[in-house]
């Protein structure tokens, strides 16, 4: 026989109270005494009662669930943003459901569908590198469900979003390298359809121009910004015997790969080549030498994203509160660029 799920009616029968009283007790209704709440929770635990969130959402119109979609949760940036979101969600007695797209478009579409089926009250998302079609997010908007984007955004989606000033972060990084003596600075970047990489490349180019230096296309290299990409791109510029004295990477993982390759070739950092990354991943403060990087204010981004979400959730007109919030980055100067 299949296991039958426990219900609030069973709890009510055991305590000789009404099912509505059980429901209010489980939802921490102030009209129910603390003693009754404790008795209900004790029996609920004994019979392994699991609340049906979807049924509850259908009845009340609120699931008290927020869907959060990220490319991957095992990166410090995204995990810190999630922490910032969850900190505020807990204050409002909301829970979050985390979905990872792994930068795959089809997976991201499936995640949106799953969250809609779970009756979430809204979605917070940073889309994947493969995403070019945004119909799945437009569907969320058409349903009148709050949608807030962070970090990676798209102009085609007229929703509130929270981003870092990636242009300024890149500009500060490259300007710092130039003031540290660099004249031939390599730039590691990613697909230019993603806003963060477009802005970081623009900041790189404008910092060079502002300091009277030429933008050499041969020094702009493309990859997925993973550790192995940093290794591959650095081996490539060494094999081509390109003249360079600095590297600015759009991601810390790629600059870590660059550091490993340079050290393996006996090229001194920062003596011969200076390095700056982007992201302030925890490992950047433990490498030898430690790595200069741009801090993305990830926890603050998470909290502000959550604040923006709850403003929309509590507003009757979703369009009226759509806004763009831009956070200021911070250049953290360490040994790799001194």
Protein backbone atom coordinates (compact mmCIF):
# COMPACT_ATOMS: atom_id res chain seq x y z
CA UNK A 1 0.00 0.00 0.00
CA UNK A 2 1.10 3.53 -0.73
CA UNK A 3 1.90 5.70 2.25
CA UNK A 4 -0.96 8.07 2.94
CA UNK A 5 0.05 11.67 3.59
CA UNK A 6 -0.85 13.06 7.00
CA UNK A 7 -3.46 15.83 7.03
CA UNK A 8 -4.52 18.63 9.36
CA UNK A 9 -7.74 16.70 9.98
CA UNK A 10 -5.73 13.91 11.65
CA UNK A 11 -4.01 16.46 13.88
CA UNK A 12 -7.40 18.00 14.72
CA UNK A 13 -8.88 14.59 15.61
CA UNK A 14 -5.98 13.72 17.93
CA UNK A 15 -6.27 17.04 19.79
CA UNK A 16 -10.05 17.27 19.62
CA UNK A 17 -9.95 20.71 17.98
CA UNK A 18 -11.11 21.98 14.58
CA UNK A 19 -9.04 21.71 11.39
CA UNK A 20 -9.23 25.49 11.01
CA UNK A 21 -7.62 25.91 14.44
CA UNK A 22 -4.83 23.53 13.39
CA UNK A 23 -4.31 25.50 10.19
CA UNK A 24 -4.09 28.80 12.08
CA UNK A 25 -1.69 27.29 14.63
CA UNK A 26 0.60 25.97 11.89
CA UNK A 27 0.59 29.41 10.26
CA UNK A 28 1.47 31.11 13.55
CA UNK A 29 -1.79 33.04 13.75
CA UNK A 30 -1.67 35.45 16.72
CA UNK A 31 -5.26 34.51 17.65
CA UNK A 32 -4.08 31.01 18.63
CA UNK A 33 -2.48 30.54 22.05
CA UNK A 34 1.15 29.51 22.34
CA UNK A 35 0.13 26.38 24.22
CA UNK A 36 -2.15 25.25 21.37
CA UNK A 37 0.55 26.02 18.79
CA UNK A 38 3.04 23.84 20.68
CA UNK A 39 0.54 20.97 20.96
CA UNK A 40 -0.26 21.17 17.25
CA UNK A 41 3.41 21.29 16.24
CA UNK A 42 4.18 18.32 18.50
CA UNK A 43 1.48 16.12 16.92
CA UNK A 44 2.38 17.35 13.42
CA UNK A 45 5.94 16.17 14.03
CA UNK A 46 4.78 12.84 15.44
CA UNK A 47 2.69 11.96 12.39
CA UNK A 48 5.19 13.52 9.94
CA UNK A 49 2.76 16.10 8.62
CA UNK A 50 4.04 17.97 5.54
CA UNK A 51 2.13 21.10 4.49
CA UNK A 52 0.80 21.23 0.92
CA UNK A 53 2.15 24.58 -0.22
CA UNK A 54 0.43 24.46 -3.60
CA UNK A 55 -2.99 23.81 -2.07
CA UNK A 56 -2.35 26.56 0.46
CA UNK A 57 -1.33 28.94 -2.31
CA UNK A 58 -4.51 28.17 -4.25
CA UNK A 59 -6.62 28.93 -1.18
CA UNK A 60 -4.86 32.08 -0.05
CA UNK A 61 -3.36 33.38 -3.28
CA UNK A 62 0.04 33.45 -1.53
CA UNK A 63 2.60 30.64 -1.36
CA UNK A 64 5.18 32.70 0.57
CA UNK A 65 7.76 31.19 -1.76
CA UNK A 66 10.25 33.06 -3.96
CA UNK A 67 11.96 31.34 -6.87
CA UNK A 68 15.63 32.23 -7.29
CA UNK A 69 17.40 31.21 -10.51
CA UNK A 70 21.19 31.44 -10.74
CA UNK A 71 23.70 30.03 -13.25
CA UNK A 72 25.42 28.14 -10.44
CA UNK A 73 25.22 28.25 -6.65
CA UNK A 74 28.76 27.06 -5.95
CA UNK A 75 30.39 30.37 -6.88
CA UNK A 76 31.01 32.81 -4.04
CA UNK A 77 29.29 35.65 -5.91
CA UNK A 78 25.99 33.83 -6.47
CA UNK A 79 25.97 32.11 -3.08
CA UNK A 80 26.52 35.48 -1.39
CA UNK A 81 23.71 37.08 -3.39
CA UNK A 82 21.44 34.19 -2.36
CA UNK A 83 22.41 34.79 1.27
CA UNK A 84 21.49 38.47 0.95
CA UNK A 85 18.12 37.57 -0.59
CA UNK A 86 17.35 34.93 2.03
CA UNK A 87 18.27 37.22 4.95
CA UNK A 88 15.50 39.65 3.99
CA UNK A 89 13.07 36.94 2.88
CA UNK A 90 13.27 35.44 6.38
CA UNK A 91 12.32 38.79 7.90
CA UNK A 92 9.11 38.73 5.83
CA UNK A 93 8.49 35.05 6.62
CA UNK A 94 9.20 33.96 3.04
CA UNK A 95 11.19 30.94 1.88
CA UNK A 96 13.25 30.70 -1.28
CA UNK A 97 13.51 27.90 -3.83
CA UNK A 98 16.94 27.89 -5.51
CA UNK A 99 17.26 26.63 -9.09
CA UNK A 100 20.50 26.39 -11.06
CA UNK A 101 20.61 26.75 -14.85
CA UNK A 102 24.30 25.78 -15.19
CA UNK A 103 24.33 28.48 -17.91
CA UNK A 104 22.12 26.20 -20.09
CA UNK A 105 19.15 27.79 -21.86
CA UNK A 106 16.89 24.71 -21.81
CA UNK A 107 17.58 24.14 -18.12
CA UNK A 108 16.69 27.76 -17.38
CA UNK A 109 13.37 27.44 -19.25
CA UNK A 110 12.57 24.27 -17.28
CA UNK A 111 13.41 26.04 -14.01
CA UNK A 112 10.99 28.88 -14.79
CA UNK A 113 8.23 26.39 -15.62
CA UNK A 114 8.86 24.42 -12.42
CA UNK A 115 8.72 27.57 -10.29
CA UNK A 116 5.50 28.73 -11.93
CA UNK A 117 3.99 25.28 -11.30
CA UNK A 118 5.07 25.58 -7.66
CA UNK A 119 2.97 28.76 -7.45
CA UNK A 120 5.84 30.97 -6.28
CA UNK A 121 4.86 34.55 -5.47
CA UNK A 122 7.66 35.86 -7.67
CA UNK A 123 11.00 35.11 -9.32
CA UNK A 124 14.46 36.61 -8.87
CA UNK A 125 16.91 35.62 -11.60
CA UNK A 126 20.31 36.00 -13.21
CA UNK A 127 20.19 34.37 -16.62
CA UNK A 128 22.71 31.96 -18.14
CA UNK A 129 25.37 32.51 -20.78
CA UNK A 130 23.41 30.54 -23.41
CA UNK A 131 20.24 32.62 -23.02
CA UNK A 132 19.36 34.73 -26.07
CA UNK A 133 15.60 34.12 -26.16
CA UNK A 134 13.70 35.58 -23.21
CA UNK A 135 10.19 34.25 -23.92
CA UNK A 136 10.19 32.25 -20.67
CA UNK A 137 10.75 35.41 -18.65
CA UNK A 138 8.21 37.34 -20.73
CA UNK A 139 5.71 34.63 -19.78
CA UNK A 140 6.35 35.41 -16.10
CA UNK A 141 5.70 39.11 -16.74
CA UNK A 142 2.52 38.38 -18.74
CA UNK A 143 1.16 36.34 -15.82
CA UNK A 144 1.58 39.39 -13.57
CA UNK A 145 4.14 37.61 -11.38
CA UNK A 146 6.88 39.87 -9.98
CA UNK A 147 10.24 39.37 -11.70
CA UNK A 148 13.50 41.01 -10.62
CA UNK A 149 16.81 40.48 -12.41
CA UNK A 150 20.27 40.90 -10.91
CA UNK A 151 23.82 40.96 -12.29
CA UNK A 152 22.99 39.66 -15.79
CA UNK A 153 20.11 41.57 -17.34
CA UNK A 154 18.57 42.25 -20.76
CA UNK A 155 17.04 45.47 -22.15
CA UNK A 156 14.25 43.47 -23.79
CA UNK A 157 12.86 42.72 -20.31
CA UNK A 158 11.18 45.80 -18.85
CA UNK A 159 11.53 44.81 -15.20
CA UNK A 160 13.39 46.03 -12.14
CA UNK A 161 16.99 44.96 -11.96
CA UNK A 162 19.97 45.36 -9.67
CA UNK A 163 23.43 45.47 -11.20
CA UNK A 164 26.98 46.48 -10.45
CA UNK A 165 28.60 49.36 -12.32
CA UNK A 166 30.74 46.91 -14.30
CA UNK A 167 32.04 49.69 -16.53
CA UNK A 168 33.39 51.64 -13.55
CA UNK A 169 34.90 48.52 -11.98
CA UNK A 170 36.79 47.68 -15.18
CA UNK A 171 37.85 51.30 -15.71
CA UNK A 172 39.26 51.51 -12.18
CA UNK A 173 41.09 48.19 -12.59
CA UNK A 174 42.77 49.13 -15.87
CA UNK A 175 43.54 52.67 -14.74
CA UNK A 176 45.24 51.16 -11.69
CA UNK A 177 47.36 48.86 -13.89
CA UNK A 178 48.41 51.80 -16.04
CA UNK A 179 49.35 53.89 -12.99
CA UNK A 180 51.35 50.88 -11.78
CA UNK A 181 53.45 51.06 -14.96
CA UNK A 182 51.62 48.79 -17.44
CA UNK A 183 51.38 49.82 -21.09
CA UNK A 184 50.36 46.60 -22.88
CA UNK A 185 47.36 45.17 -21.01
CA UNK A 186 45.66 41.96 -22.09
CA UNK A 187 41.91 41.65 -21.48
CA UNK A 188 40.19 38.30 -20.88
CA UNK A 189 36.46 38.54 -21.63
CA UNK A 190 33.40 36.46 -22.48
CA UNK A 191 30.43 36.56 -24.85
CA UNK A 192 29.59 40.16 -25.64
CA UNK A 193 25.83 39.59 -25.68
CA UNK A 194 25.96 39.42 -21.86
CA UNK A 195 25.79 42.90 -20.34
CA UNK A 196 28.43 42.43 -17.65
CA UNK A 197 31.14 41.47 -20.16
CA UNK A 198 30.16 44.19 -22.62
CA UNK A 199 30.46 46.82 -19.89
CA UNK A 200 33.74 45.47 -18.53
CA UNK A 201 35.27 45.49 -22.02
CA UNK A 202 34.03 49.05 -22.56
CA UNK A 203 35.60 50.13 -19.27
CA UNK A 204 38.89 48.48 -20.28
CA UNK A 205 38.95 50.28 -23.62
CA UNK A 206 37.99 53.69 -22.24
CA UNK A 207 40.64 53.51 -19.49
CA UNK A 208 43.30 52.86 -22.13
CA UNK A 209 42.09 55.75 -24.30
CA UNK A 210 41.86 58.13 -21.33
CA UNK A 211 45.53 57.41 -20.60
CA UNK A 212 46.63 57.90 -24.20
CA UNK A 213 47.11 54.18 -24.92
CA UNK A 214 46.02 52.31 -28.03
CA UNK A 215 43.34 49.60 -27.93
CA UNK A 216 44.98 46.60 -29.59
CA UNK A 217 42.40 43.95 -30.68
CA UNK A 218 45.14 41.31 -30.49
CA UNK A 219 45.21 41.79 -26.71
CA UNK A 220 41.47 41.12 -26.26
CA UNK A 221 40.91 37.38 -25.83
CA UNK A 222 37.65 35.47 -25.43
CA UNK A 223 36.75 32.48 -23.28
CA UNK A 224 34.23 31.19 -20.73
CA UNK A 225 36.17 32.79 -17.86
CA UNK A 226 36.80 29.49 -16.09
CA UNK A 227 40.15 28.46 -14.56
CA UNK A 228 41.08 26.43 -17.65
CA UNK A 229 40.23 29.39 -19.92
CA UNK A 230 42.72 31.55 -18.05
CA UNK A 231 45.37 28.89 -18.51
CA UNK A 232 44.59 28.40 -22.20
CA UNK A 233 44.50 32.11 -23.05
CA UNK A 234 47.76 32.79 -21.20
CA UNK A 235 49.51 29.92 -23.01
CA UNK A 236 48.15 31.38 -26.25
CA UNK A 237 49.60 34.86 -25.72
CA UNK A 238 52.94 33.36 -24.67
CA UNK A 239 53.06 31.11 -27.76
CA UNK A 240 52.28 34.10 -30.00
CA UNK A 241 55.08 36.02 -28.22
CA UNK A 242 52.77 38.99 -27.72
CA UNK A 243 54.28 41.95 -25.91
CA UNK A 244 52.31 42.45 -22.68
CA UNK A 245 52.96 43.57 -19.11
CA UNK A 246 49.50 43.29 -17.55
CA UNK A 247 46.31 41.23 -17.65
CA UNK A 248 42.85 42.39 -16.66
CA UNK A 249 40.35 39.54 -16.52
CA UNK A 250 36.55 39.80 -16.36
CA UNK A 251 36.58 36.97 -13.80
CA UNK A 252 38.84 35.88 -10.93
CA UNK A 253 38.91 32.23 -12.00
CA UNK A 254 40.50 33.11 -15.34
CA UNK A 255 43.10 35.38 -13.70
CA UNK A 256 43.95 32.53 -11.32
CA UNK A 257 44.61 30.35 -14.37
CA UNK A 258 46.83 33.09 -15.79
CA UNK A 259 48.82 33.29 -12.55
CA UNK A 260 49.42 29.52 -12.58
CA UNK A 261 50.72 29.54 -16.16
CA UNK A 262 52.94 32.61 -15.67
CA UNK A 263 54.52 31.03 -12.58
CA UNK A 264 55.08 27.75 -14.42
CA UNK A 265 56.99 29.68 -17.11
CA UNK A 266 59.07 31.51 -14.52
CA UNK A 267 57.46 34.88 -15.30
CA UNK A 268 57.43 37.00 -12.16
CA UNK A 269 54.15 38.47 -10.90
CA UNK A 270 54.03 41.42 -10.35
CA UNK A 271 57.67 41.98 -11.45
CA UNK A 272 57.19 41.25 -15.17
CA UNK A 273 53.41 41.02 -15.45
CA UNK A 274 50.76 42.58 -13.22
CA UNK A 275 47.32 40.99 -12.75
CA UNK A 276 43.83 42.20 -11.83
CA UNK A 277 40.70 40.05 -11.65
CA UNK A 278 37.01 40.70 -11.11
CA UNK A 279 34.73 39.23 -8.45
CA UNK A 280 36.72 39.14 -5.18
CA UNK A 281 36.45 35.36 -4.91
CA UNK A 282 37.75 34.14 -1.50
CA UNK A 283 40.80 32.42 -3.02
CA UNK A 284 42.18 35.74 -4.32
CA UNK A 285 43.32 36.67 -0.81
CA UNK A 286 45.15 33.34 -0.30
CA UNK A 287 47.17 32.98 -3.53
CA UNK A 288 50.88 33.75 -3.81
CA UNK A 289 50.96 36.57 -4.68
CA UNK A 290 47.51 37.66 -3.53
CA UNK A 291 45.35 38.90 -6.41
CA UNK A 292 44.06 42.43 -6.95
CA UNK A 293 40.38 42.27 -7.81
CA UNK A 294 37.11 44.20 -8.10
CA UNK A 295 34.61 43.50 -5.32
CA UNK A 296 31.06 43.04 -6.65
CA UNK A 297 29.23 43.83 -3.38
CA UNK A 298 27.38 40.52 -3.67
CA UNK A 299 25.63 40.42 -0.27
CA UNK A 300 24.48 44.03 -0.69
CA UNK A 301 23.26 43.13 -4.18
CA UNK A 302 21.23 40.25 -2.72
CA UNK A 303 19.64 42.43 -0.04
CA UNK A 304 18.78 45.26 -2.43
CA UNK A 305 17.40 42.77 -4.95
CA UNK A 306 15.17 41.32 -2.22
CA UNK A 307 14.09 44.81 -1.12
CA UNK A 308 13.17 45.63 -4.71
CA UNK A 309 11.22 42.37 -5.00
CA UNK A 310 9.16 43.05 -1.87
CA UNK A 311 8.45 46.62 -3.01
CA UNK A 312 6.96 45.17 -6.19
CA UNK A 313 5.12 42.42 -4.33
CA UNK A 314 3.46 44.99 -2.08
CA UNK A 315 2.61 47.32 -4.93
CA UNK A 316 -0.66 47.15 -6.87
CA UNK A 317 0.88 48.42 -10.10
CA UNK A 318 3.96 46.36 -11.01
CA UNK A 319 5.03 48.69 -13.83
CA UNK A 320 5.02 51.73 -11.56
CA UNK A 321 7.86 50.46 -9.39
CA UNK A 322 10.17 49.02 -12.08
CA UNK A 323 13.56 50.56 -11.50
CA UNK A 324 17.27 50.13 -12.16
CA UNK A 325 19.64 50.04 -9.20
CA UNK A 326 23.37 50.33 -9.88
CA UNK A 327 25.87 49.47 -7.14
CA UNK A 328 29.37 50.96 -6.98
CA UNK A 329 32.26 48.47 -7.15
CA UNK A 330 35.39 48.58 -5.02
CA UNK A 331 38.92 47.92 -6.30
CA UNK A 332 40.83 45.82 -3.76
CA UNK A 333 44.54 46.29 -4.39
CA UNK A 334 46.77 43.35 -3.47
CA UNK A 335 50.23 42.04 -4.30
CA UNK A 336 49.63 40.95 -7.93
CA UNK A 337 49.52 44.55 -9.20
CA UNK A 338 51.81 46.45 -6.86
